[in-house]
N, C-alpha and C. Protein backbone atom coordinates (compact mmCIF):
# COMPACT_ATOMS: atom_id res chain seq x y z
N MET A 1 85.57 -38.97 7.85
CA MET A 1 86.54 -37.89 7.94
C MET A 1 87.68 -38.18 6.97
N LEU A 2 88.49 -37.18 6.75
CA LEU A 2 89.56 -37.30 5.78
C LEU A 2 90.82 -37.90 6.40
N ASN A 3 91.51 -38.72 5.60
CA ASN A 3 92.79 -39.26 6.09
C ASN A 3 93.91 -38.25 5.82
N LYS A 4 95.12 -38.57 6.27
CA LYS A 4 96.24 -37.63 6.16
C LYS A 4 96.52 -37.23 4.72
N GLU A 5 96.52 -38.18 3.82
CA GLU A 5 96.78 -37.89 2.40
C GLU A 5 95.72 -36.94 1.84
N GLU A 6 94.47 -37.18 2.18
CA GLU A 6 93.39 -36.31 1.71
C GLU A 6 93.49 -34.91 2.32
N LEU A 7 93.82 -34.85 3.61
CA LEU A 7 94.01 -33.56 4.27
C LEU A 7 95.13 -32.77 3.61
N ASP A 8 96.22 -33.47 3.30
CA ASP A 8 97.36 -32.81 2.63
C ASP A 8 96.96 -32.30 1.25
N LYS A 9 96.16 -33.07 0.54
CA LYS A 9 95.72 -32.65 -0.80
C LYS A 9 94.88 -31.37 -0.71
N VAL A 10 93.98 -31.29 0.25
CA VAL A 10 93.15 -30.10 0.42
C VAL A 10 94.01 -28.92 0.87
N SER A 11 94.93 -29.15 1.81
CA SER A 11 95.82 -28.08 2.25
C SER A 11 96.66 -27.54 1.09
N ASP A 12 97.12 -28.44 0.23
CA ASP A 12 97.89 -28.02 -0.95
C ASP A 12 97.02 -27.18 -1.89
N ALA A 13 95.75 -27.57 -2.03
CA ALA A 13 94.83 -26.79 -2.87
C ALA A 13 94.65 -25.39 -2.30
N ILE A 14 94.57 -25.28 -0.98
CA ILE A 14 94.44 -23.97 -0.34
C ILE A 14 95.70 -23.15 -0.61
N LYS A 15 96.88 -23.74 -0.40
CA LYS A 15 98.14 -23.04 -0.64
C LYS A 15 98.22 -22.54 -2.09
N ASN A 16 97.85 -23.41 -3.02
CA ASN A 16 97.88 -23.02 -4.44
C ASN A 16 96.90 -21.89 -4.73
N ALA A 17 95.73 -21.96 -4.14
CA ALA A 17 94.72 -20.92 -4.37
C ALA A 17 95.16 -19.59 -3.78
N GLU A 18 95.90 -19.63 -2.68
CA GLU A 18 96.34 -18.40 -2.02
C GLU A 18 97.69 -17.90 -2.54
N ASN A 19 98.28 -18.61 -3.47
CA ASN A 19 99.63 -18.31 -3.96
C ASN A 19 99.82 -16.89 -4.46
N HIS A 20 98.81 -16.32 -5.09
CA HIS A 20 98.94 -15.00 -5.71
C HIS A 20 97.90 -14.02 -5.17
N THR A 21 97.53 -14.20 -3.91
CA THR A 21 96.49 -13.36 -3.33
C THR A 21 96.80 -13.02 -1.88
N SER A 22 96.24 -11.93 -1.43
CA SER A 22 96.35 -11.58 -0.02
C SER A 22 95.16 -12.11 0.78
N ALA A 23 94.20 -12.70 0.10
CA ALA A 23 93.01 -13.22 0.76
C ALA A 23 93.31 -14.58 1.41
N GLU A 24 92.38 -15.06 2.23
CA GLU A 24 92.57 -16.28 3.00
C GLU A 24 91.40 -17.23 2.81
N ILE A 25 91.71 -18.52 2.72
CA ILE A 25 90.69 -19.58 2.61
C ILE A 25 90.92 -20.57 3.74
N ARG A 26 89.83 -20.97 4.39
CA ARG A 26 89.88 -22.06 5.37
C ARG A 26 88.84 -23.08 4.95
N VAL A 27 89.10 -24.34 5.28
CA VAL A 27 88.17 -25.43 5.02
C VAL A 27 87.90 -26.14 6.33
N CYS A 28 86.62 -26.34 6.60
CA CYS A 28 86.19 -27.08 7.78
C CYS A 28 85.34 -28.27 7.32
N VAL A 29 85.74 -29.47 7.73
CA VAL A 29 84.99 -30.68 7.40
C VAL A 29 84.32 -31.16 8.68
N ALA A 30 83.01 -31.20 8.66
CA ALA A 30 82.23 -31.64 9.82
C ALA A 30 81.72 -33.06 9.58
N ARG A 31 81.69 -33.84 10.66
CA ARG A 31 81.18 -35.20 10.54
C ARG A 31 79.69 -35.17 10.19
N LYS A 32 78.95 -34.29 10.84
CA LYS A 32 77.50 -34.18 10.61
C LYS A 32 77.10 -32.71 10.61
N CYS A 33 76.03 -32.43 9.90
CA CYS A 33 75.42 -31.10 9.94
C CYS A 33 73.92 -31.32 9.98
N LYS A 34 73.34 -31.23 11.17
CA LYS A 34 71.92 -31.50 11.34
C LYS A 34 71.05 -30.36 10.85
N GLY A 35 71.55 -29.14 10.95
CA GLY A 35 70.74 -27.98 10.59
C GLY A 35 71.16 -27.36 9.27
N ASN A 36 71.03 -26.06 9.22
CA ASN A 36 71.38 -25.29 8.03
C ASN A 36 72.90 -25.14 7.96
N PRO A 37 73.53 -25.57 6.86
CA PRO A 37 74.99 -25.49 6.78
C PRO A 37 75.52 -24.05 6.77
N LEU A 38 74.74 -23.11 6.25
CA LEU A 38 75.19 -21.72 6.25
C LEU A 38 75.24 -21.16 7.68
N GLU A 39 74.28 -21.55 8.50
CA GLU A 39 74.30 -21.14 9.90
C GLU A 39 75.48 -21.78 10.64
N ALA A 40 75.73 -23.05 10.36
CA ALA A 40 76.88 -23.74 10.98
C ALA A 40 78.18 -23.08 10.54
N ALA A 41 78.27 -22.70 9.27
CA ALA A 41 79.46 -22.03 8.76
C ALA A 41 79.65 -20.67 9.43
N ALA A 42 78.57 -19.95 9.64
CA ALA A 42 78.66 -18.63 10.28
C ALA A 42 79.16 -18.75 11.72
N ILE A 43 78.70 -19.76 12.41
CA ILE A 43 79.16 -20.00 13.79
C ILE A 43 80.65 -20.32 13.78
N LYS A 44 81.07 -21.19 12.87
CA LYS A 44 82.48 -21.58 12.78
C LYS A 44 83.34 -20.38 12.37
N PHE A 45 82.85 -19.56 11.44
CA PHE A 45 83.56 -18.37 10.97
C PHE A 45 83.88 -17.45 12.16
N ARG A 46 82.86 -17.23 12.99
CA ARG A 46 83.06 -16.37 14.17
C ARG A 46 83.99 -17.02 15.19
N LYS A 47 83.81 -18.32 15.41
CA LYS A 47 84.64 -19.04 16.38
C LYS A 47 86.11 -19.00 15.97
N LEU A 48 86.38 -19.08 14.68
CA LEU A 48 87.76 -19.03 14.17
C LEU A 48 88.29 -17.61 14.03
N LYS A 49 87.42 -16.63 14.30
CA LYS A 49 87.78 -15.20 14.19
C LYS A 49 88.30 -14.85 12.80
N MET A 50 87.64 -15.41 11.80
CA MET A 50 88.06 -15.17 10.42
C MET A 50 87.77 -13.75 9.97
N TYR A 51 86.96 -13.03 10.69
CA TYR A 51 86.64 -11.64 10.38
C TYR A 51 87.78 -10.70 10.78
N LYS A 52 88.85 -11.23 11.35
CA LYS A 52 89.94 -10.39 11.83
C LYS A 52 91.07 -10.22 10.81
N THR A 53 90.89 -10.64 9.57
CA THR A 53 91.94 -10.39 8.58
C THR A 53 91.97 -8.90 8.27
N LYS A 54 93.13 -8.39 7.90
CA LYS A 54 93.31 -6.95 7.69
C LYS A 54 92.32 -6.38 6.68
N LEU A 55 92.10 -7.11 5.59
CA LEU A 55 91.23 -6.59 4.52
C LEU A 55 89.83 -7.20 4.54
N ARG A 56 89.52 -7.95 5.59
CA ARG A 56 88.21 -8.62 5.70
C ARG A 56 87.95 -9.46 4.45
N ASN A 57 88.99 -10.23 4.06
CA ASN A 57 88.94 -10.96 2.80
C ASN A 57 89.16 -12.46 2.99
N SER A 58 88.50 -13.02 3.97
CA SER A 58 88.62 -14.46 4.20
C SER A 58 87.35 -15.18 3.75
N VAL A 59 87.54 -16.47 3.44
CA VAL A 59 86.44 -17.32 3.00
C VAL A 59 86.52 -18.64 3.75
N LEU A 60 85.37 -19.09 4.25
CA LEU A 60 85.28 -20.40 4.89
C LEU A 60 84.46 -21.32 4.00
N ILE A 61 85.06 -22.46 3.67
CA ILE A 61 84.33 -23.52 2.96
C ILE A 61 84.02 -24.57 4.02
N TYR A 62 82.73 -24.72 4.31
CA TYR A 62 82.26 -25.62 5.36
C TYR A 62 81.56 -26.79 4.68
N VAL A 63 82.00 -28.01 4.97
CA VAL A 63 81.41 -29.18 4.32
C VAL A 63 81.07 -30.26 5.33
N ALA A 64 79.95 -30.90 5.08
CA ALA A 64 79.53 -32.09 5.82
C ALA A 64 79.19 -33.12 4.75
N PRO A 65 80.19 -33.77 4.17
CA PRO A 65 79.98 -34.61 3.00
C PRO A 65 79.01 -35.77 3.21
N VAL A 66 79.00 -36.36 4.41
CA VAL A 66 78.11 -37.49 4.68
C VAL A 66 76.65 -37.05 4.51
N ASP A 67 76.36 -35.83 4.93
CA ASP A 67 75.00 -35.29 4.83
C ASP A 67 74.76 -34.58 3.50
N HIS A 68 75.78 -34.55 2.64
CA HIS A 68 75.68 -33.86 1.34
C HIS A 68 75.31 -32.39 1.53
N LYS A 69 75.95 -31.77 2.53
CA LYS A 69 75.70 -30.35 2.81
C LYS A 69 77.01 -29.59 2.77
N ALA A 70 76.91 -28.34 2.36
CA ALA A 70 78.09 -27.48 2.33
C ALA A 70 77.63 -26.03 2.32
N ALA A 71 78.55 -25.16 2.68
CA ALA A 71 78.29 -23.72 2.62
C ALA A 71 79.62 -23.03 2.38
N ILE A 72 79.56 -21.92 1.69
CA ILE A 72 80.73 -21.08 1.51
C ILE A 72 80.36 -19.71 2.05
N LEU A 73 81.18 -19.22 2.98
CA LEU A 73 80.89 -17.95 3.62
C LEU A 73 82.09 -17.03 3.46
N GLY A 74 81.86 -15.91 2.79
CA GLY A 74 82.92 -14.93 2.60
C GLY A 74 82.70 -13.73 3.49
N ASP A 75 83.79 -13.15 3.93
CA ASP A 75 83.72 -11.92 4.71
C ASP A 75 83.28 -10.77 3.79
N ILE A 76 83.05 -9.60 4.35
CA ILE A 76 82.45 -8.51 3.58
C ILE A 76 83.27 -8.10 2.37
N GLY A 77 84.59 -8.15 2.46
CA GLY A 77 85.41 -7.79 1.31
C GLY A 77 85.26 -8.75 0.15
N ILE A 78 85.14 -10.03 0.44
CA ILE A 78 84.99 -11.05 -0.60
C ILE A 78 83.59 -11.02 -1.19
N ASN A 79 82.59 -10.84 -0.36
CA ASN A 79 81.22 -10.82 -0.88
C ASN A 79 81.00 -9.73 -1.92
N LYS A 80 81.70 -8.62 -1.77
CA LYS A 80 81.60 -7.54 -2.76
C LYS A 80 82.16 -7.97 -4.11
N ALA A 81 83.11 -8.89 -4.10
CA ALA A 81 83.77 -9.33 -5.33
C ALA A 81 83.00 -10.43 -6.05
N ALA A 82 82.16 -11.15 -5.33
CA ALA A 82 81.46 -12.29 -5.93
C ALA A 82 80.26 -11.83 -6.75
N SER A 83 80.17 -12.34 -7.95
CA SER A 83 79.02 -12.02 -8.79
C SER A 83 77.80 -12.78 -8.27
N GLU A 84 76.63 -12.32 -8.67
CA GLU A 84 75.40 -12.97 -8.24
C GLU A 84 75.40 -14.43 -8.70
N GLY A 85 75.13 -15.32 -7.81
CA GLY A 85 75.07 -16.74 -8.12
C GLY A 85 76.41 -17.46 -8.00
N PHE A 86 77.50 -16.72 -7.76
CA PHE A 86 78.82 -17.35 -7.68
C PHE A 86 78.88 -18.42 -6.60
N TRP A 87 78.44 -18.06 -5.38
CA TRP A 87 78.52 -19.01 -4.26
C TRP A 87 77.66 -20.24 -4.54
N ASP A 88 76.46 -20.03 -5.08
CA ASP A 88 75.57 -21.16 -5.38
C ASP A 88 76.18 -22.09 -6.42
N ASP A 89 76.80 -21.52 -7.46
CA ASP A 89 77.43 -22.34 -8.50
C ASP A 89 78.58 -23.17 -7.93
N ALA A 90 79.40 -22.53 -7.11
CA ALA A 90 80.53 -23.25 -6.49
C ALA A 90 80.01 -24.38 -5.60
N LEU A 91 78.97 -24.10 -4.83
CA LEU A 91 78.38 -25.12 -3.96
C LEU A 91 77.79 -26.27 -4.76
N ASP A 92 77.06 -25.95 -5.82
CA ASP A 92 76.45 -27.00 -6.64
C ASP A 92 77.50 -27.96 -7.18
N ASP A 93 78.63 -27.41 -7.63
CA ASP A 93 79.71 -28.25 -8.15
C ASP A 93 80.27 -29.15 -7.06
N MET A 94 80.46 -28.59 -5.88
CA MET A 94 80.98 -29.39 -4.77
C MET A 94 80.01 -30.51 -4.39
N LEU A 95 78.74 -30.17 -4.28
CA LEU A 95 77.74 -31.16 -3.87
C LEU A 95 77.58 -32.28 -4.89
N LEU A 96 77.75 -31.97 -6.16
CA LEU A 96 77.70 -33.00 -7.20
C LEU A 96 78.82 -34.02 -6.95
N HIS A 97 79.99 -33.55 -6.64
CA HIS A 97 81.10 -34.45 -6.33
C HIS A 97 80.80 -35.27 -5.07
N PHE A 98 80.21 -34.63 -4.07
CA PHE A 98 79.90 -35.35 -2.83
C PHE A 98 78.93 -36.50 -3.12
N ARG A 99 77.93 -36.24 -3.95
CA ARG A 99 76.95 -37.28 -4.29
C ARG A 99 77.61 -38.46 -4.99
N ASN A 100 78.71 -38.20 -5.69
CA ASN A 100 79.45 -39.25 -6.39
C ASN A 100 80.59 -39.80 -5.53
N ASN A 101 80.56 -39.47 -4.24
CA ASN A 101 81.57 -39.90 -3.27
C ASN A 101 82.98 -39.43 -3.64
N GLU A 102 83.06 -38.28 -4.27
CA GLU A 102 84.34 -37.65 -4.64
C GLU A 102 84.54 -36.44 -3.71
N ILE A 103 84.69 -36.74 -2.43
CA ILE A 103 84.71 -35.70 -1.41
C ILE A 103 85.89 -34.75 -1.60
N VAL A 104 87.08 -35.29 -1.65
CA VAL A 104 88.27 -34.46 -1.75
C VAL A 104 88.28 -33.68 -3.06
N GLN A 105 87.91 -34.32 -4.13
CA GLN A 105 87.85 -33.62 -5.42
C GLN A 105 86.86 -32.46 -5.35
N GLY A 106 85.73 -32.67 -4.73
CA GLY A 106 84.74 -31.61 -4.59
C GLY A 106 85.25 -30.44 -3.77
N ILE A 107 85.90 -30.75 -2.65
CA ILE A 107 86.45 -29.68 -1.81
C ILE A 107 87.52 -28.91 -2.58
N CYS A 108 88.42 -29.64 -3.23
CA CYS A 108 89.51 -28.98 -3.97
C CYS A 108 88.97 -28.13 -5.12
N GLU A 109 87.91 -28.59 -5.77
CA GLU A 109 87.31 -27.78 -6.83
C GLU A 109 86.70 -26.51 -6.25
N GLY A 110 86.04 -26.62 -5.10
CA GLY A 110 85.49 -25.43 -4.45
C GLY A 110 86.59 -24.45 -4.06
N VAL A 111 87.68 -24.97 -3.53
CA VAL A 111 88.82 -24.12 -3.17
C VAL A 111 89.36 -23.42 -4.42
N GLY A 112 89.45 -24.16 -5.52
CA GLY A 112 89.96 -23.57 -6.76
C GLY A 112 89.07 -22.46 -7.29
N LYS A 113 87.77 -22.65 -7.22
CA LYS A 113 86.84 -21.60 -7.69
C LYS A 113 86.95 -20.35 -6.83
N VAL A 114 87.01 -20.55 -5.52
CA VAL A 114 87.17 -19.42 -4.61
C VAL A 114 88.52 -18.75 -4.86
N GLY A 115 89.55 -19.56 -5.09
CA GLY A 115 90.87 -19.03 -5.38
C GLY A 115 90.89 -18.12 -6.60
N ALA A 116 90.19 -18.52 -7.65
CA ALA A 116 90.12 -17.69 -8.86
C ALA A 116 89.47 -16.34 -8.55
N LEU A 117 88.42 -16.37 -7.75
CA LEU A 117 87.73 -15.13 -7.37
C LEU A 117 88.64 -14.22 -6.56
N ILE A 118 89.28 -14.77 -5.54
CA ILE A 118 90.09 -13.92 -4.66
C ILE A 118 91.37 -13.44 -5.33
N ASN A 119 91.91 -14.25 -6.23
CA ASN A 119 93.11 -13.81 -6.95
C ASN A 119 92.82 -12.58 -7.80
N ALA A 120 91.64 -12.54 -8.39
CA ALA A 120 91.27 -11.40 -9.23
C ALA A 120 91.02 -10.15 -8.39
N ARG A 121 90.44 -10.31 -7.24
CA ARG A 121 90.04 -9.17 -6.40
C ARG A 121 91.13 -8.69 -5.44
N TYR A 122 91.91 -9.63 -4.94
CA TYR A 122 92.92 -9.31 -3.93
C TYR A 122 94.29 -9.86 -4.34
N PRO A 123 94.97 -9.19 -5.27
CA PRO A 123 96.30 -9.67 -5.66
C PRO A 123 97.25 -9.63 -4.47
N ILE A 124 98.29 -10.44 -4.55
CA ILE A 124 99.24 -10.50 -3.45
C ILE A 124 99.90 -9.14 -3.26
N MET A 125 100.13 -8.79 -2.01
CA MET A 125 100.72 -7.50 -1.69
C MET A 125 102.16 -7.71 -1.21
N GLU A 126 102.94 -6.65 -1.30
CA GLU A 126 104.30 -6.72 -0.79
C GLU A 126 104.23 -7.02 0.70
N ASN A 127 105.13 -7.86 1.17
CA ASN A 127 105.18 -8.26 2.58
C ASN A 127 103.91 -8.98 3.03
N ASP A 128 103.28 -9.68 2.10
CA ASP A 128 102.06 -10.42 2.43
C ASP A 128 102.36 -11.49 3.47
N GLU A 129 101.46 -11.66 4.40
CA GLU A 129 101.61 -12.73 5.38
C GLU A 129 100.37 -13.61 5.35
N ASN A 130 100.58 -14.89 5.60
CA ASN A 130 99.47 -15.83 5.66
C ASN A 130 98.81 -15.66 7.02
N GLU A 131 97.66 -14.99 7.04
CA GLU A 131 97.00 -14.65 8.31
C GLU A 131 96.27 -15.81 8.94
N LEU A 132 95.85 -16.77 8.12
CA LEU A 132 95.10 -17.92 8.64
C LEU A 132 95.74 -19.22 8.18
N SER A 133 95.72 -20.20 9.02
CA SER A 133 96.32 -21.50 8.70
C SER A 133 95.67 -22.13 7.47
N ASN A 134 96.48 -22.87 6.71
CA ASN A 134 95.98 -23.61 5.55
C ASN A 134 95.55 -25.03 5.91
N GLU A 135 95.72 -25.38 7.17
CA GLU A 135 95.35 -26.73 7.60
C GLU A 135 93.84 -26.88 7.64
N VAL A 136 93.37 -28.05 7.25
CA VAL A 136 91.95 -28.34 7.26
C VAL A 136 91.49 -28.59 8.70
N ILE A 137 90.35 -28.04 9.03
CA ILE A 137 89.77 -28.23 10.35
C ILE A 137 88.79 -29.41 10.24
N GLN A 138 88.95 -30.39 11.10
CA GLN A 138 88.01 -31.50 11.12
C GLN A 138 87.24 -31.45 12.44
N GLU A 139 85.93 -31.50 12.31
CA GLU A 139 85.03 -31.39 13.47
C GLU A 139 84.27 -32.69 13.67
N ASP A 140 84.16 -33.11 14.90
CA ASP A 140 83.35 -34.31 15.20
C ASP A 140 81.90 -33.98 15.30
């Protein structure tokens, strides 16, 4: 699992990615992922009620670095903005870092790629509010 300094680094990456957008990013780090990471991400997405953002523009980055597994799940508004292959490319980059034991760098790079996508599609709005916490979720 991530230590405080690493958690702060990822939270800062989320804040930076959300700086000019109305969209939301969450990161969940799981100790293990025995099954399909996309299914695990979907369960976590629902449990966190990430579908309740006003514009349906949230993204969950779900990672299980020990198992070299990850998934990125965007709500319906974000999925419309992503080009074909975008999610797979972002995941491949993250997993390459995981294989090199560069966990935090991989997560931050994934957050940055998602941030670029959401900034283009969902610019910040007047009276924007941060609908979802930027804190990293750690799961046992």
